[in-house]
Amino acid sequence: MVEACAKNVFSKAARVKVEVPEDLVDRVEQLLRQRCLEIFGLARRAGQMVGGYEKVRSFLSAETAGALFAASDGAADGRSKISALAPDIPLVDCFSGSELGAAIGRDWLVHAVVASGGFAESLLAEANRFSGLQENK
């Protein structure tokens, strides 16, 4: 997106002069972050997400998981333990423990799993967009 702003791509596409705000990338990043966390909260309210290491471990032994979540500010060995439980399940680790917790009405959440299905697919798609934007910043 930064390159698109620098190359004046928006004006060329619109065929008129477009004023791009200086903080466009930050705004889009915040909106993508918010979107991911809203879907995460919806998954919890729909009963498609469980949080906490032991609950995640139990869920993985009984259900089909679509996405694993580990807080970015959680311990590195915790992320490796979670991903070792289900190595084929994508791990999303771009949100802090306080962000994940706030999305479901807690103070803090380090580990979570979302059941396979629509919520997991939407979360993975949005998290990939969010991560891609952060990498290109």
Protein backbone atom coordinates (compact mmCIF):
# COMPACT_ATOMS: atom_id res chain seq x y z
CA MET A 1 0.00 0.00 0.00
CA VAL A 2 2.91 2.31 0.76
CA GLU A 3 4.22 1.71 -2.75
CA ALA A 4 0.79 2.36 -4.24
CA CYS A 5 0.65 5.74 -2.49
CA ALA A 6 4.17 6.61 -3.62
CA LYS A 7 3.45 5.67 -7.24
CA ASN A 8 0.17 7.61 -7.27
CA VAL A 9 -1.76 4.46 -8.21
CA PHE A 10 -5.01 5.66 -6.63
CA SER A 11 -5.15 8.75 -8.85
CA LYS A 12 -4.36 6.72 -11.94
CA ALA A 13 -7.07 4.16 -11.16
CA ALA A 14 -9.68 6.83 -10.42
CA ARG A 15 -8.55 9.00 -13.36
CA VAL A 16 -8.82 12.04 -11.14
CA LYS A 17 -6.52 13.59 -8.58
CA VAL A 18 -6.86 11.72 -5.29
CA GLU A 19 -5.56 13.05 -2.00
CA VAL A 20 -4.35 10.11 0.05
CA PRO A 21 -4.17 10.75 3.80
CA GLU A 22 -0.72 10.39 5.34
CA ASP A 23 -2.01 7.86 7.85
CA LEU A 24 -3.85 5.62 5.36
CA VAL A 25 -1.71 2.58 6.09
CA ASP A 26 -2.21 2.99 9.84
CA ARG A 27 -5.97 3.37 9.38
CA VAL A 28 -6.21 0.24 7.24
CA GLU A 29 -4.05 -1.69 9.69
CA GLN A 30 -6.29 -0.67 12.60
CA LEU A 31 -9.44 -1.60 10.68
CA LEU A 32 -8.03 -5.02 9.75
CA ARG A 33 -6.98 -5.61 13.37
CA GLN A 34 -10.48 -4.64 14.54
CA ARG A 35 -12.12 -6.89 11.92
CA CYS A 36 -10.09 -9.93 12.98
CA LEU A 37 -10.83 -9.41 16.65
CA GLU A 38 -14.55 -8.90 15.95
CA ILE A 39 -14.72 -12.21 14.09
CA PHE A 40 -12.78 -13.83 16.94
CA GLY A 41 -15.36 -12.53 19.43
CA LEU A 42 -18.23 -13.70 17.23
CA ALA A 43 -16.70 -17.17 17.08
CA ARG A 44 -16.60 -17.24 20.89
CA ARG A 45 -20.22 -16.16 21.20
CA ALA A 46 -21.23 -18.79 18.64
CA GLY A 47 -19.49 -21.50 20.66
CA GLN A 48 -16.88 -22.04 17.95
CA MET A 49 -13.88 -20.88 19.99
CA VAL A 50 -12.36 -21.96 23.28
CA GLY A 51 -9.54 -20.29 25.15
CA GLY A 52 -6.91 -21.42 27.63
CA TYR A 53 -4.18 -24.01 27.16
CA GLU A 54 -5.97 -26.94 28.79
CA LYS A 55 -9.27 -26.23 27.02
CA VAL A 56 -7.42 -25.93 23.70
CA ARG A 57 -5.66 -29.23 24.32
CA SER A 58 -8.97 -30.95 25.15
CA PHE A 59 -10.66 -29.39 22.11
CA LEU A 60 -7.91 -30.60 19.78
CA SER A 61 -8.29 -34.18 20.99
CA ALA A 62 -12.07 -34.16 20.48
CA GLU A 63 -12.90 -31.69 17.68
CA THR A 64 -11.62 -30.54 14.30
CA ALA A 65 -9.77 -27.25 14.60
CA GLY A 66 -9.63 -24.61 11.90
CA ALA A 67 -7.20 -22.12 13.46
CA LEU A 68 -4.98 -21.85 16.50
CA PHE A 69 -4.26 -18.55 18.24
CA ALA A 70 -1.31 -17.71 20.44
CA ALA A 71 -0.69 -14.28 21.92
CA SER A 72 2.28 -12.51 20.35
CA ASP A 73 3.46 -11.43 23.78
CA GLY A 74 3.06 -14.90 25.28
CA ALA A 75 6.03 -17.14 25.93
CA ALA A 76 7.70 -18.60 22.85
CA ASP A 77 7.62 -22.10 24.35
CA GLY A 78 3.84 -21.74 24.77
CA ARG A 79 3.44 -21.03 21.05
CA SER A 80 5.59 -24.03 20.20
CA LYS A 81 3.58 -26.26 22.59
CA ILE A 82 0.31 -25.19 21.00
CA SER A 83 1.52 -25.65 17.44
CA ALA A 84 3.01 -29.06 18.37
CA LEU A 85 -0.46 -30.24 19.46
CA ALA A 86 -1.79 -29.69 15.94
CA PRO A 87 1.09 -29.06 13.52
CA ASP A 88 -1.19 -29.01 10.45
CA ILE A 89 -3.47 -26.27 11.84
CA PRO A 90 -2.50 -22.67 10.98
CA LEU A 91 -1.21 -20.66 13.94
CA VAL A 92 -2.14 -16.97 14.19
CA ASP A 93 0.20 -15.08 16.49
CA CYS A 94 -0.11 -11.43 15.47
CA PHE A 95 -2.33 -10.26 18.34
CA SER A 96 -1.39 -9.55 21.93
CA GLY A 97 -2.87 -11.36 24.90
CA SER A 98 -4.77 -8.25 25.93
CA GLU A 99 -6.25 -7.85 22.42
CA LEU A 100 -7.39 -11.48 22.30
CA GLY A 101 -8.79 -11.23 25.81
CA ALA A 102 -10.65 -7.99 25.14
CA ALA A 103 -12.29 -9.56 22.08
CA ILE A 104 -14.01 -12.12 24.30
CA GLY A 105 -14.53 -10.08 27.46
CA ARG A 106 -11.45 -11.17 29.42
CA ASP A 107 -8.40 -9.26 30.57
CA TRP A 108 -5.94 -11.64 28.94
CA LEU A 109 -5.92 -14.69 26.66
CA VAL A 110 -2.81 -16.50 25.47
CA HIS A 111 -4.08 -19.67 23.74
CA ALA A 112 -7.24 -20.26 21.75
CA VAL A 113 -8.63 -22.50 19.05
CA VAL A 114 -11.43 -21.89 16.57
CA ALA A 115 -13.38 -24.84 15.21
CA SER A 116 -13.12 -25.56 11.52
CA GLY A 117 -15.75 -23.83 9.43
CA GLY A 118 -16.73 -20.35 8.39
CA PHE A 119 -15.33 -18.48 11.38
CA ALA A 120 -11.92 -20.12 11.05
CA GLU A 121 -11.82 -19.48 7.30
CA SER A 122 -12.77 -15.81 7.74
CA LEU A 123 -10.28 -15.36 10.56
CA LEU A 124 -7.44 -16.87 8.59
CA ALA A 125 -8.20 -14.75 5.53
CA GLU A 126 -8.37 -11.52 7.55
CA ALA A 127 -5.32 -12.42 9.66
CA ASN A 128 -3.33 -13.07 6.47
CA ARG A 129 -4.29 -9.63 5.18
CA PHE A 130 -3.36 -8.05 8.49
CA SER A 131 -0.02 -9.87 8.69
CA GLY A 132 0.78 -9.02 5.08
CA LEU A 133 0.15 -5.36 5.73
CA GLN A 134 2.37 -5.41 8.80
CA GLU A 135 5.18 -7.08 6.85
CA ASN A 136 5.00 -4.50 4.05
CA LYS A 137 5.01 -1.53 6.38
